[in-house]
Amino acid sequence: MPLLDLFWSMLVLFIWIAWIWLVVSIFVDIFRSDDLGGWSKALWSIFVLLVPFLGVFIYLIVRGGSMQQRAVDDARAQNEANQAYIREVAGSGDGVADEITKLDALRQQGAITDQEFAAQKAKLLA
């Protein structure tokens, strides 16, 4: 196999993989889009399936600019959800151990008795 044939085969393979990635990206965008109704999604899907090259290129011309904005919005929403989850799991330092530490400080200052400390500790651990 000559070297030029190998390069040509690699180029065709790369273009084929890029085409599949583009079509999948368009279908993901069609079904994630909140501004399209069910019938619009169905019509775009049928158009892209029946006339692939023309359907993809027209979709990119008509809705390509907003594709990136929708991807950025989805990434931002996912990041915010992730940050909220991390804050929820990590807590703000108001856990049981912190409460027991505060109670112990109050007991050492004489603000509460040993019996009150034990009762509050048992209530927190229950």
N, C-alpha and C. Protein backbone atom coordinates (compact mmCIF):
# COMPACT_ATOMS: atom_id res chain seq x y z
N MET A 1 0.85 -1.16 0.00
CA MET A 1 0.00 0.00 0.00
C MET A 1 0.90 1.24 0.00
N PRO A 2 0.77 2.07 -0.99
CA PRO A 2 1.62 3.27 -1.04
C PRO A 2 1.28 4.23 0.10
N LEU A 3 2.23 5.06 0.43
CA LEU A 3 2.09 6.00 1.54
C LEU A 3 0.96 6.99 1.30
N LEU A 4 0.78 7.43 0.06
CA LEU A 4 -0.29 8.38 -0.25
C LEU A 4 -1.67 7.76 -0.01
N ASP A 5 -1.83 6.49 -0.32
CA ASP A 5 -3.10 5.81 -0.06
C ASP A 5 -3.38 5.74 1.45
N LEU A 6 -2.33 5.55 2.23
CA LEU A 6 -2.49 5.52 3.67
C LEU A 6 -2.95 6.88 4.20
N PHE A 7 -2.31 7.95 3.71
CA PHE A 7 -2.72 9.29 4.12
C PHE A 7 -4.16 9.58 3.70
N TRP A 8 -4.51 9.18 2.48
CA TRP A 8 -5.88 9.40 1.99
C TRP A 8 -6.89 8.64 2.85
N SER A 9 -6.58 7.40 3.21
CA SER A 9 -7.47 6.60 4.05
C SER A 9 -7.63 7.24 5.43
N MET A 10 -6.54 7.74 5.98
CA MET A 10 -6.61 8.40 7.30
C MET A 10 -7.45 9.67 7.23
N LEU A 11 -7.32 10.43 6.15
CA LEU A 11 -8.11 11.64 5.99
C LEU A 11 -9.59 11.32 5.88
N VAL A 12 -9.93 10.32 5.11
CA VAL A 12 -11.33 9.91 4.96
C VAL A 12 -11.88 9.42 6.30
N LEU A 13 -11.10 8.65 7.03
CA LEU A 13 -11.53 8.17 8.34
C LEU A 13 -11.76 9.34 9.30
N PHE A 14 -10.86 10.31 9.31
CA PHE A 14 -11.01 11.48 10.18
C PHE A 14 -12.26 12.27 9.82
N ILE A 15 -12.50 12.49 8.55
CA ILE A 15 -13.69 13.23 8.12
C ILE A 15 -14.96 12.47 8.48
N TRP A 16 -14.95 11.16 8.34
CA TRP A 16 -16.11 10.34 8.68
C TRP A 16 -16.41 10.43 10.18
N ILE A 17 -15.39 10.37 11.03
CA ILE A 17 -15.58 10.48 12.48
C ILE A 17 -16.07 11.88 12.83
N ALA A 18 -15.52 12.91 12.19
CA ALA A 18 -15.98 14.28 12.45
C ALA A 18 -17.44 14.45 12.04
N TRP A 19 -17.84 13.82 10.95
CA TRP A 19 -19.23 13.90 10.50
C TRP A 19 -20.17 13.24 11.51
N ILE A 20 -19.80 12.09 12.01
CA ILE A 20 -20.62 11.41 13.01
C ILE A 20 -20.73 12.26 14.26
N TRP A 21 -19.62 12.86 14.69
CA TRP A 21 -19.64 13.73 15.87
C TRP A 21 -20.57 14.93 15.64
N LEU A 22 -20.54 15.50 14.46
CA LEU A 22 -21.38 16.65 14.14
C LEU A 22 -22.86 16.27 14.16
N VAL A 23 -23.20 15.14 13.57
CA VAL A 23 -24.60 14.71 13.54
C VAL A 23 -25.10 14.41 14.96
N VAL A 24 -24.29 13.75 15.77
CA VAL A 24 -24.68 13.46 17.15
C VAL A 24 -24.85 14.77 17.92
N SER A 25 -23.95 15.72 17.73
CA SER A 25 -24.06 17.02 18.40
C SER A 25 -25.34 17.74 18.01
N ILE A 26 -25.72 17.64 16.77
CA ILE A 26 -26.95 18.30 16.32
C ILE A 26 -28.17 17.62 16.93
N PHE A 27 -28.20 16.31 16.98
CA PHE A 27 -29.33 15.62 17.60
C PHE A 27 -29.42 15.93 19.09
N VAL A 28 -28.28 16.00 19.76
CA VAL A 28 -28.28 16.37 21.18
C VAL A 28 -28.85 17.78 21.34
N ASP A 29 -28.43 18.70 20.47
CA ASP A 29 -28.91 20.07 20.55
C ASP A 29 -30.40 20.16 20.25
N ILE A 30 -30.86 19.37 19.29
CA ILE A 30 -32.29 19.39 18.96
C ILE A 30 -33.12 18.98 20.17
N PHE A 31 -32.73 17.90 20.82
CA PHE A 31 -33.55 17.38 21.91
C PHE A 31 -33.33 18.10 23.23
N ARG A 32 -32.24 18.84 23.39
CA ARG A 32 -32.02 19.64 24.60
C ARG A 32 -32.66 21.02 24.51
N SER A 33 -32.96 21.44 23.32
CA SER A 33 -33.43 22.80 23.11
C SER A 33 -34.81 23.01 23.73
N ASP A 34 -34.90 24.02 24.61
CA ASP A 34 -36.17 24.31 25.26
C ASP A 34 -37.08 25.17 24.38
N ASP A 35 -36.51 25.87 23.43
CA ASP A 35 -37.33 26.78 22.61
C ASP A 35 -37.99 26.08 21.43
N LEU A 36 -37.72 24.81 21.22
CA LEU A 36 -38.39 24.04 20.17
C LEU A 36 -39.48 23.18 20.79
N GLY A 37 -40.61 23.11 20.11
CA GLY A 37 -41.69 22.24 20.55
C GLY A 37 -41.47 20.82 20.04
N GLY A 38 -42.37 19.95 20.38
CA GLY A 38 -42.24 18.55 19.98
C GLY A 38 -42.28 18.36 18.47
N TRP A 39 -43.20 19.06 17.81
CA TRP A 39 -43.30 18.93 16.35
C TRP A 39 -42.07 19.50 15.66
N SER A 40 -41.55 20.59 16.16
CA SER A 40 -40.34 21.17 15.56
C SER A 40 -39.16 20.23 15.71
N LYS A 41 -39.05 19.61 16.88
CA LYS A 41 -37.97 18.64 17.10
C LYS A 41 -38.11 17.46 16.14
N ALA A 42 -39.34 16.99 15.98
CA ALA A 42 -39.57 15.87 15.07
C ALA A 42 -39.24 16.25 13.62
N LEU A 43 -39.66 17.44 13.21
CA LEU A 43 -39.38 17.85 11.83
C LEU A 43 -37.88 18.04 11.58
N TRP A 44 -37.17 18.66 12.53
CA TRP A 44 -35.73 18.81 12.36
C TRP A 44 -35.05 17.44 12.30
N SER A 45 -35.48 16.51 13.17
CA SER A 45 -34.88 15.17 13.19
C SER A 45 -35.12 14.45 11.87
N ILE A 46 -36.34 14.52 11.37
CA ILE A 46 -36.65 13.86 10.09
C ILE A 46 -35.85 14.50 8.96
N PHE A 47 -35.74 15.82 8.97
CA PHE A 47 -35.00 16.53 7.93
C PHE A 47 -33.53 16.14 7.95
N VAL A 48 -32.95 16.04 9.14
CA VAL A 48 -31.53 15.67 9.25
C VAL A 48 -31.33 14.21 8.86
N LEU A 49 -32.30 13.35 9.16
CA LEU A 49 -32.17 11.94 8.80
C LEU A 49 -32.39 11.68 7.31
N LEU A 50 -33.37 12.34 6.71
CA LEU A 50 -33.69 12.08 5.31
C LEU A 50 -32.71 12.74 4.35
N VAL A 51 -32.28 13.93 4.65
CA VAL A 51 -31.35 14.66 3.78
C VAL A 51 -30.17 15.10 4.67
N PRO A 52 -29.26 14.17 4.96
CA PRO A 52 -28.26 14.45 5.99
C PRO A 52 -27.39 15.69 5.73
N PHE A 53 -26.76 15.78 4.57
CA PHE A 53 -25.85 16.91 4.35
C PHE A 53 -26.59 18.23 4.35
N LEU A 54 -27.66 18.29 3.62
CA LEU A 54 -28.43 19.53 3.56
C LEU A 54 -29.06 19.85 4.91
N GLY A 55 -29.61 18.84 5.59
CA GLY A 55 -30.23 19.05 6.89
C GLY A 55 -29.24 19.56 7.93
N VAL A 56 -28.05 18.98 7.97
CA VAL A 56 -27.04 19.42 8.93
C VAL A 56 -26.59 20.83 8.63
N PHE A 57 -26.32 21.12 7.37
CA PHE A 57 -25.82 22.45 7.03
C PHE A 57 -26.89 23.53 7.25
N ILE A 58 -28.13 23.23 6.94
CA ILE A 58 -29.20 24.21 7.18
C ILE A 58 -29.40 24.39 8.69
N TYR A 59 -29.34 23.31 9.45
CA TYR A 59 -29.47 23.44 10.89
C TYR A 59 -28.36 24.32 11.47
N LEU A 60 -27.14 24.11 10.99
CA LEU A 60 -26.02 24.92 11.47
C LEU A 60 -26.17 26.39 11.09
N ILE A 61 -26.72 26.65 9.92
CA ILE A 61 -26.92 28.04 9.51
C ILE A 61 -28.03 28.69 10.32
N VAL A 62 -29.16 27.97 10.49
CA VAL A 62 -30.32 28.55 11.15
C VAL A 62 -30.14 28.63 12.66
N ARG A 63 -29.65 27.56 13.27
CA ARG A 63 -29.61 27.50 14.74
C ARG A 63 -28.20 27.33 15.30
N GLY A 64 -27.19 27.45 14.47
CA GLY A 64 -25.81 27.23 14.90
C GLY A 64 -25.32 28.22 15.94
N GLY A 65 -25.71 29.48 15.80
CA GLY A 65 -25.27 30.49 16.75
C GLY A 65 -25.81 30.25 18.15
N SER A 66 -27.03 29.77 18.22
CA SER A 66 -27.61 29.53 19.54
C SER A 66 -27.20 28.17 20.12
N MET A 67 -26.60 27.31 19.30
CA MET A 67 -26.12 26.02 19.79
C MET A 67 -25.08 26.23 20.89
N GLN A 68 -24.16 27.13 20.62
CA GLN A 68 -23.08 27.38 21.58
C GLN A 68 -23.64 27.99 22.86
N GLN A 69 -24.59 28.90 22.73
CA GLN A 69 -25.17 29.53 23.92
C GLN A 69 -25.90 28.51 24.77
N ARG A 70 -26.62 27.59 24.13
CA ARG A 70 -27.31 26.55 24.89
C ARG A 70 -26.30 25.63 25.58
N ALA A 71 -25.21 25.31 24.93
CA ALA A 71 -24.17 24.48 25.54
C ALA A 71 -23.55 25.18 26.74
N VAL A 72 -23.29 26.48 26.61
CA VAL A 72 -22.72 27.26 27.72
C VAL A 72 -23.71 27.33 28.88
N ASP A 73 -24.98 27.55 28.58
CA ASP A 73 -26.00 27.61 29.64
C ASP A 73 -26.12 26.28 30.37
N ASP A 74 -26.10 25.17 29.60
CA ASP A 74 -26.16 23.85 30.22
C ASP A 74 -24.94 23.59 31.11
N ALA A 75 -23.75 23.97 30.63
CA ALA A 75 -22.54 23.78 31.42
C ALA A 75 -22.59 24.63 32.69
N ARG A 76 -23.08 25.85 32.57
CA ARG A 76 -23.18 26.74 33.74
C ARG A 76 -24.18 26.17 34.76
N ALA A 77 -25.32 25.68 34.30
CA ALA A 77 -26.31 25.11 35.21
C ALA A 77 -25.76 23.85 35.89
N GLN A 78 -25.03 23.06 35.14
CA GLN A 78 -24.44 21.85 35.72
C GLN A 78 -23.38 22.21 36.76
N ASN A 79 -22.59 23.24 36.48
CA ASN A 79 -21.57 23.69 37.43
C ASN A 79 -22.22 24.23 38.71
N GLU A 80 -23.29 25.01 38.56
CA GLU A 80 -23.98 25.54 39.73
C GLU A 80 -24.59 24.42 40.57
N ALA A 81 -25.16 23.42 39.92
CA ALA A 81 -25.72 22.28 40.65
C ALA A 81 -24.62 21.53 41.38
N ASN A 82 -23.48 21.38 40.73
CA ASN A 82 -22.35 20.70 41.35
C ASN A 82 -21.84 21.48 42.56
N GLN A 83 -21.72 22.80 42.42
CA GLN A 83 -21.27 23.63 43.54
C GLN A 83 -22.27 23.58 44.70
N ALA A 84 -23.56 23.60 44.40
CA ALA A 84 -24.58 23.52 45.45
C ALA A 84 -24.49 22.18 46.18
N TYR A 85 -24.26 21.12 45.43
CA TYR A 85 -24.13 19.79 46.05
C TYR A 85 -22.89 19.74 46.95
N ILE A 86 -21.79 20.31 46.48
CA ILE A 86 -20.57 20.31 47.29
C ILE A 86 -20.78 21.10 48.58
N ARG A 87 -21.43 22.27 48.47
CA ARG A 87 -21.71 23.06 49.67
C ARG A 87 -22.63 22.31 50.63
N GLU A 88 -23.61 21.59 50.09
CA GLU A 88 -24.54 20.84 50.93
C GLU A 88 -23.83 19.70 51.66
N VAL A 89 -22.97 18.99 50.93
CA VAL A 89 -22.29 17.84 51.53
C VAL A 89 -21.22 18.31 52.51
N ALA A 90 -20.47 19.34 52.14
CA ALA A 90 -19.40 19.82 53.01
C ALA A 90 -19.96 20.49 54.26
N GLY A 91 -21.11 21.11 54.14
CA GLY A 91 -21.72 21.78 55.27
C GLY A 91 -21.05 23.11 55.56
N SER A 92 -21.65 23.87 56.44
CA SER A 92 -21.12 25.19 56.76
C SER A 92 -20.43 25.19 58.10
N GLY A 93 -20.11 24.02 58.64
CA GLY A 93 -19.44 23.97 59.93
C GLY A 93 -20.41 23.91 61.09
N ASP A 94 -21.67 23.69 60.84
CA ASP A 94 -22.68 23.63 61.90
C ASP A 94 -23.07 22.19 62.18
N GLY A 95 -22.13 21.29 62.11
CA GLY A 95 -22.42 19.89 62.33
C GLY A 95 -22.51 19.56 63.81
N VAL A 96 -22.75 18.29 64.09
CA VAL A 96 -22.92 17.81 65.46
C VAL A 96 -21.63 18.01 66.25
N ALA A 97 -20.50 17.74 65.62
CA ALA A 97 -19.22 17.88 66.33
C ALA A 97 -18.99 19.33 66.76
N ASP A 98 -19.36 20.28 65.90
CA ASP A 98 -19.20 21.69 66.27
C ASP A 98 -20.12 22.07 67.42
N GLU A 99 -21.34 21.54 67.41
CA GLU A 99 -22.27 21.83 68.50
C GLU A 99 -21.76 21.27 69.82
N ILE A 100 -21.21 20.06 69.76
CA ILE A 100 -20.67 19.47 70.99
C ILE A 100 -19.47 20.28 71.49
N THR A 101 -18.65 20.76 70.58
CA THR A 101 -17.51 21.60 70.97
C THR A 101 -17.99 22.88 71.64
N LYS A 102 -19.04 23.48 71.11
CA LYS A 102 -19.60 24.70 71.72
C LYS A 102 -20.17 24.40 73.11
N LEU A 103 -20.86 23.27 73.24
CA LEU A 103 -21.40 22.89 74.54
C LEU A 103 -20.28 22.65 75.55
N ASP A 104 -19.20 22.02 75.09
CA ASP A 104 -18.07 21.77 75.98
C ASP A 104 -17.44 23.09 76.44
N ALA A 105 -17.36 24.05 75.54
CA ALA A 105 -16.82 25.36 75.91
C ALA A 105 -17.71 26.03 76.94
N LEU A 106 -19.02 25.92 76.76
CA LEU A 106 -19.95 26.48 77.74
C LEU A 106 -19.82 25.78 79.09
N ARG A 107 -19.62 24.47 79.09
CA ARG A 107 -19.46 23.71 80.34
C ARG A 107 -18.18 24.13 81.06
N GLN A 108 -17.11 24.32 80.26
CA GLN A 108 -15.84 24.72 80.87
C GLN A 108 -15.92 26.14 81.43
N GLN A 109 -16.74 26.99 80.86
CA GLN A 109 -16.91 28.36 81.36
C GLN A 109 -17.83 28.40 82.57
N GLY A 110 -18.54 27.31 82.80
CA GLY A 110 -19.46 27.25 83.92
C GLY A 110 -20.85 27.72 83.58
N ALA A 111 -21.14 27.94 82.32
CA ALA A 111 -22.48 28.39 81.93
C ALA A 111 -23.50 27.27 82.04
N ILE A 112 -23.05 26.01 81.83
CA ILE A 112 -23.95 24.87 81.98
C ILE A 112 -23.27 23.84 82.87
N THR A 113 -24.06 22.99 83.49
CA THR A 113 -23.53 21.96 84.38
C THR A 113 -23.15 20.73 83.57
N ASP A 114 -22.50 19.78 84.25
CA ASP A 114 -22.11 18.53 83.58
C ASP A 114 -23.34 17.73 83.16
N GLN A 115 -24.40 17.78 83.99
CA GLN A 115 -25.62 17.04 83.66
C GLN A 115 -26.30 17.67 82.42
N GLU A 116 -26.34 18.99 82.34
CA GLU A 116 -26.92 19.66 81.18
C GLU A 116 -26.10 19.36 79.92
N PHE A 117 -24.77 19.34 80.07
CA PHE A 117 -23.90 19.01 78.94
C PHE A 117 -24.19 17.60 78.44
N ALA A 118 -24.28 16.64 79.38
CA ALA A 118 -24.54 15.26 79.00
C ALA A 118 -25.90 15.11 78.32
N ALA A 119 -26.89 15.82 78.83
CA ALA A 119 -28.24 15.73 78.25
C ALA A 119 -28.27 16.32 76.84
N GLN A 120 -27.64 17.47 76.65
CA GLN A 120 -27.60 18.10 75.32
C GLN A 120 -26.77 17.26 74.33
N LYS A 121 -25.70 16.66 74.83
CA LYS A 121 -24.86 15.82 73.97
C LYS A 121 -25.65 14.58 73.52
N ALA A 122 -26.36 13.97 74.46
CA ALA A 122 -27.17 12.79 74.11
C ALA A 122 -28.26 13.18 73.10
N LYS A 123 -28.84 14.35 73.27
CA LYS A 123 -29.88 14.81 72.35
C LYS A 123 -29.31 15.06 70.95
N LEU A 124 -28.09 15.61 70.88
CA LEU A 124 -27.46 15.85 69.58
C LEU A 124 -27.07 14.55 68.88
N LEU A 125 -26.60 13.59 69.66
CA LEU A 125 -26.15 12.32 69.06
C LEU A 125 -27.31 11.40 68.71
N ALA A 126 -28.49 11.65 69.23
CA ALA A 126 -29.63 10.79 68.95
C ALA A 126 -30.22 11.04 67.58
